[in-house]
Structures are given as C-alpha cells and as structure tokens.
Amino acid sequence: MLTVEILYYMPDHPRFLQTYLWQTLDEAPKFPRLHRFLNFWREEIDAVIHSVRVAHGEPLAPPAWRKVDGYIQRH
C-alpha cells in the first residue's frame, strides 16, 4: 500500500498551497505507478508541485498477534 501526499501551488493563486492525498497499490522500491502519476501531473495539470511525501507498507499483512500468559489487575 502506497500513500502519497502532494503539496502543490494552486494555479489561480500561486501563493497558496493545496494538499492532494492518494493511496494505491504499488511495487516498492521503484514505485512505477507513482512515477507514471507524477509524470502525468507534470504534463497535464497546471499546478506546480511543491513537495511529495511517500509512505508505504504491507496492505494485506495479517494482524500481529501474540500470546499473553497472564494479566495484571489494578484497583
């Protein structure tokens, strides 16, 4: 799972930054879908990108469970 936060300058108001969040499945570490999307943005969208933040992780990983042998009770 890939989460991308793009900060870009608004075309009509170049002093203001706008946020665009995007999630998709992609292949780490090369991220081909992200590169295609950013190339599309640069060619087709008038907004200039300020910065891109990327976070990725396992989307379908099983939950982390561990056995607990005891517990502590507090009054």
N, C-alpha and C. Protein backbone atom coordinates (compact mmCIF):
# COMPACT_ATOMS: atom_id res chain seq x y z
N MET A 1 0.85 -1.17 0.00
CA MET A 1 0.00 0.00 0.00
C MET A 1 0.89 1.23 0.00
N LEU A 2 0.58 2.15 -0.87
CA LEU A 2 1.35 3.38 -1.01
C LEU A 2 0.43 4.55 -0.71
N THR A 3 0.86 5.44 0.15
CA THR A 3 0.15 6.68 0.44
C THR A 3 1.05 7.83 0.05
N VAL A 4 0.51 8.75 -0.74
CA VAL A 4 1.30 9.88 -1.24
C VAL A 4 0.59 11.17 -0.85
N GLU A 5 1.35 12.11 -0.31
CA GLU A 5 0.84 13.45 -0.03
C GLU A 5 1.59 14.41 -0.95
N ILE A 6 0.84 15.10 -1.79
CA ILE A 6 1.43 16.07 -2.73
C ILE A 6 1.00 17.46 -2.31
N LEU A 7 1.96 18.32 -2.07
CA LEU A 7 1.68 19.74 -1.84
C LEU A 7 1.96 20.45 -3.15
N TYR A 8 0.99 21.24 -3.61
CA TYR A 8 1.16 21.94 -4.88
C TYR A 8 0.62 23.36 -4.76
N TYR A 9 1.14 24.21 -5.64
CA TYR A 9 0.69 25.59 -5.69
C TYR A 9 -0.58 25.66 -6.52
N MET A 10 -1.58 26.35 -6.02
CA MET A 10 -2.83 26.49 -6.74
C MET A 10 -2.59 27.33 -8.00
N PRO A 11 -3.07 26.91 -9.16
CA PRO A 11 -2.81 27.66 -10.39
C PRO A 11 -3.36 29.09 -10.37
N ASP A 12 -4.54 29.29 -9.80
CA ASP A 12 -5.14 30.62 -9.77
C ASP A 12 -4.57 31.52 -8.68
N HIS A 13 -4.02 30.90 -7.63
CA HIS A 13 -3.45 31.64 -6.51
C HIS A 13 -2.09 31.03 -6.17
N PRO A 14 -1.03 31.39 -6.87
CA PRO A 14 0.26 30.71 -6.72
C PRO A 14 0.94 30.88 -5.35
N ARG A 15 0.40 31.70 -4.49
CA ARG A 15 0.97 31.82 -3.14
C ARG A 15 0.39 30.80 -2.17
N PHE A 16 -0.69 30.13 -2.55
CA PHE A 16 -1.35 29.17 -1.68
C PHE A 16 -0.96 27.74 -2.04
N LEU A 17 -0.77 26.94 -1.00
CA LEU A 17 -0.50 25.52 -1.19
C LEU A 17 -1.78 24.72 -0.95
N GLN A 18 -1.97 23.69 -1.75
CA GLN A 18 -3.10 22.78 -1.61
C GLN A 18 -2.53 21.38 -1.40
N THR A 19 -3.27 20.52 -0.71
CA THR A 19 -2.82 19.15 -0.44
C THR A 19 -3.66 18.18 -1.25
N TYR A 20 -2.98 17.18 -1.82
CA TYR A 20 -3.65 16.09 -2.52
C TYR A 20 -3.13 14.79 -1.93
N LEU A 21 -4.03 13.95 -1.41
CA LEU A 21 -3.66 12.65 -0.86
C LEU A 21 -4.12 11.56 -1.80
N TRP A 22 -3.27 10.55 -1.98
CA TRP A 22 -3.56 9.48 -2.93
C TRP A 22 -3.07 8.17 -2.35
N GLN A 23 -3.90 7.12 -2.43
CA GLN A 23 -3.50 5.79 -1.99
C GLN A 23 -3.70 4.81 -3.14
N THR A 24 -2.74 3.90 -3.28
CA THR A 24 -2.82 2.89 -4.31
C THR A 24 -1.89 1.73 -3.95
N LEU A 25 -2.04 0.65 -4.64
CA LEU A 25 -1.09 -0.45 -4.50
C LEU A 25 0.03 -0.21 -5.51
N ASP A 26 1.26 -0.34 -5.07
CA ASP A 26 2.41 -0.12 -5.94
C ASP A 26 3.55 -1.02 -5.50
N GLU A 27 4.54 -1.16 -6.34
CA GLU A 27 5.66 -2.06 -6.08
C GLU A 27 6.86 -1.28 -5.56
N ALA A 28 7.20 -1.49 -4.29
CA ALA A 28 8.38 -0.85 -3.71
C ALA A 28 9.61 -1.61 -4.22
N PRO A 29 10.74 -1.03 -4.35
CA PRO A 29 11.12 0.36 -4.06
C PRO A 29 11.04 1.28 -5.27
N LYS A 30 10.70 0.76 -6.47
CA LYS A 30 10.72 1.61 -7.68
C LYS A 30 9.44 2.42 -7.87
N PHE A 31 8.31 1.97 -7.36
CA PHE A 31 7.03 2.67 -7.41
C PHE A 31 6.67 3.13 -8.83
N PRO A 32 6.46 2.20 -9.77
CA PRO A 32 6.16 2.59 -11.15
C PRO A 32 4.85 3.36 -11.30
N ARG A 33 3.80 3.02 -10.53
CA ARG A 33 2.54 3.76 -10.64
C ARG A 33 2.70 5.20 -10.17
N LEU A 34 3.47 5.40 -9.11
CA LEU A 34 3.71 6.75 -8.61
C LEU A 34 4.44 7.57 -9.65
N HIS A 35 5.46 7.01 -10.28
CA HIS A 35 6.21 7.75 -11.30
C HIS A 35 5.32 8.10 -12.50
N ARG A 36 4.46 7.16 -12.93
CA ARG A 36 3.54 7.46 -14.03
C ARG A 36 2.58 8.58 -13.65
N PHE A 37 2.08 8.53 -12.40
CA PHE A 37 1.16 9.56 -11.94
C PHE A 37 1.84 10.94 -11.89
N LEU A 38 3.05 10.99 -11.36
CA LEU A 38 3.75 12.28 -11.27
C LEU A 38 4.10 12.81 -12.66
N ASN A 39 4.46 11.93 -13.59
CA ASN A 39 4.72 12.37 -14.96
C ASN A 39 3.44 12.92 -15.60
N PHE A 40 2.31 12.23 -15.38
CA PHE A 40 1.03 12.73 -15.87
C PHE A 40 0.74 14.11 -15.29
N TRP A 41 0.96 14.27 -13.99
CA TRP A 41 0.70 15.55 -13.32
C TRP A 41 1.52 16.66 -13.98
N ARG A 42 2.81 16.42 -14.19
CA ARG A 42 3.68 17.45 -14.76
C ARG A 42 3.27 17.82 -16.19
N GLU A 43 2.78 16.83 -16.96
CA GLU A 43 2.43 17.08 -18.36
C GLU A 43 1.03 17.65 -18.54
N GLU A 44 0.06 17.25 -17.71
CA GLU A 44 -1.34 17.57 -17.97
C GLU A 44 -1.98 18.54 -16.99
N ILE A 45 -1.40 18.74 -15.82
CA ILE A 45 -2.03 19.58 -14.80
C ILE A 45 -1.22 20.86 -14.64
N ASP A 46 -1.91 21.98 -14.55
CA ASP A 46 -1.24 23.28 -14.48
C ASP A 46 -0.59 23.56 -13.14
N ALA A 47 -0.98 22.86 -12.11
CA ALA A 47 -0.47 23.13 -10.75
C ALA A 47 0.98 22.65 -10.64
N VAL A 48 1.82 23.49 -10.06
CA VAL A 48 3.23 23.17 -9.85
C VAL A 48 3.38 22.45 -8.51
N ILE A 49 4.10 21.34 -8.52
CA ILE A 49 4.30 20.55 -7.30
C ILE A 49 5.34 21.21 -6.42
N HIS A 50 5.01 21.36 -5.15
CA HIS A 50 5.94 21.89 -4.16
C HIS A 50 6.75 20.75 -3.54
N SER A 51 6.06 19.69 -3.07
CA SER A 51 6.75 18.56 -2.44
C SER A 51 5.88 17.31 -2.51
N VAL A 52 6.54 16.17 -2.38
CA VAL A 52 5.87 14.87 -2.39
C VAL A 52 6.38 14.07 -1.21
N ARG A 53 5.45 13.57 -0.37
CA ARG A 53 5.81 12.69 0.75
C ARG A 53 5.21 11.32 0.48
N VAL A 54 6.02 10.28 0.71
CA VAL A 54 5.60 8.92 0.39
C VAL A 54 5.70 8.06 1.64
N ALA A 55 4.66 7.25 1.87
CA ALA A 55 4.67 6.24 2.93
C ALA A 55 4.16 4.95 2.33
N HIS A 56 4.79 3.84 2.69
CA HIS A 56 4.32 2.56 2.15
C HIS A 56 4.44 1.48 3.20
N GLY A 57 3.65 0.44 3.02
CA GLY A 57 3.65 -0.67 3.96
C GLY A 57 2.93 -1.86 3.34
N GLU A 58 2.83 -2.92 4.09
CA GLU A 58 2.15 -4.12 3.62
C GLU A 58 0.64 -3.95 3.76
N PRO A 59 -0.12 -4.01 2.65
CA PRO A 59 -1.55 -3.77 2.75
C PRO A 59 -2.34 -4.95 3.30
N LEU A 60 -1.94 -6.16 2.99
CA LEU A 60 -2.72 -7.33 3.36
C LEU A 60 -1.98 -8.22 4.34
N ALA A 61 -1.16 -7.62 5.14
CA ALA A 61 -0.42 -8.40 6.13
C ALA A 61 -1.38 -8.85 7.24
N PRO A 62 -1.17 -10.05 7.76
CA PRO A 62 -2.03 -10.49 8.86
C PRO A 62 -1.79 -9.65 10.10
N PRO A 63 -2.79 -9.51 10.94
CA PRO A 63 -2.59 -8.73 12.16
C PRO A 63 -1.55 -9.37 13.05
N ALA A 64 -0.84 -8.55 13.77
CA ALA A 64 0.20 -9.04 14.68
C ALA A 64 -0.45 -9.49 15.98
N TRP A 65 -0.44 -10.78 16.24
CA TRP A 65 -1.00 -11.34 17.47
C TRP A 65 0.12 -11.99 18.26
N ARG A 66 0.01 -11.92 19.55
CA ARG A 66 0.95 -12.64 20.39
C ARG A 66 0.20 -13.20 21.59
N LYS A 67 0.67 -14.30 22.08
CA LYS A 67 0.03 -14.96 23.20
C LYS A 67 0.40 -14.24 24.50
N VAL A 68 -0.58 -14.04 25.36
CA VAL A 68 -0.35 -13.44 26.68
C VAL A 68 -0.62 -14.50 27.72
N ASP A 69 0.36 -14.74 28.58
CA ASP A 69 0.24 -15.79 29.59
C ASP A 69 -0.38 -15.31 30.90
N GLY A 70 -0.50 -14.05 31.09
CA GLY A 70 -1.05 -13.56 32.35
C GLY A 70 -1.54 -12.13 32.19
N TYR A 71 -2.07 -11.60 33.27
CA TYR A 71 -2.51 -10.20 33.22
C TYR A 71 -2.30 -9.60 34.61
N ILE A 72 -2.32 -8.28 34.64
CA ILE A 72 -2.15 -7.53 35.90
C ILE A 72 -3.46 -6.79 36.15
N GLN A 73 -3.98 -6.91 37.35
CA GLN A 73 -5.22 -6.23 37.69
C GLN A 73 -4.89 -5.10 38.66
N ARG A 74 -5.42 -3.91 38.36
CA ARG A 74 -5.21 -2.74 39.21
C ARG A 74 -6.56 -2.31 39.76
N HIS A 75 -6.56 -1.83 41.00
CA HIS A 75 -7.80 -1.38 41.62
C HIS A 75 -7.97 0.09 41.42
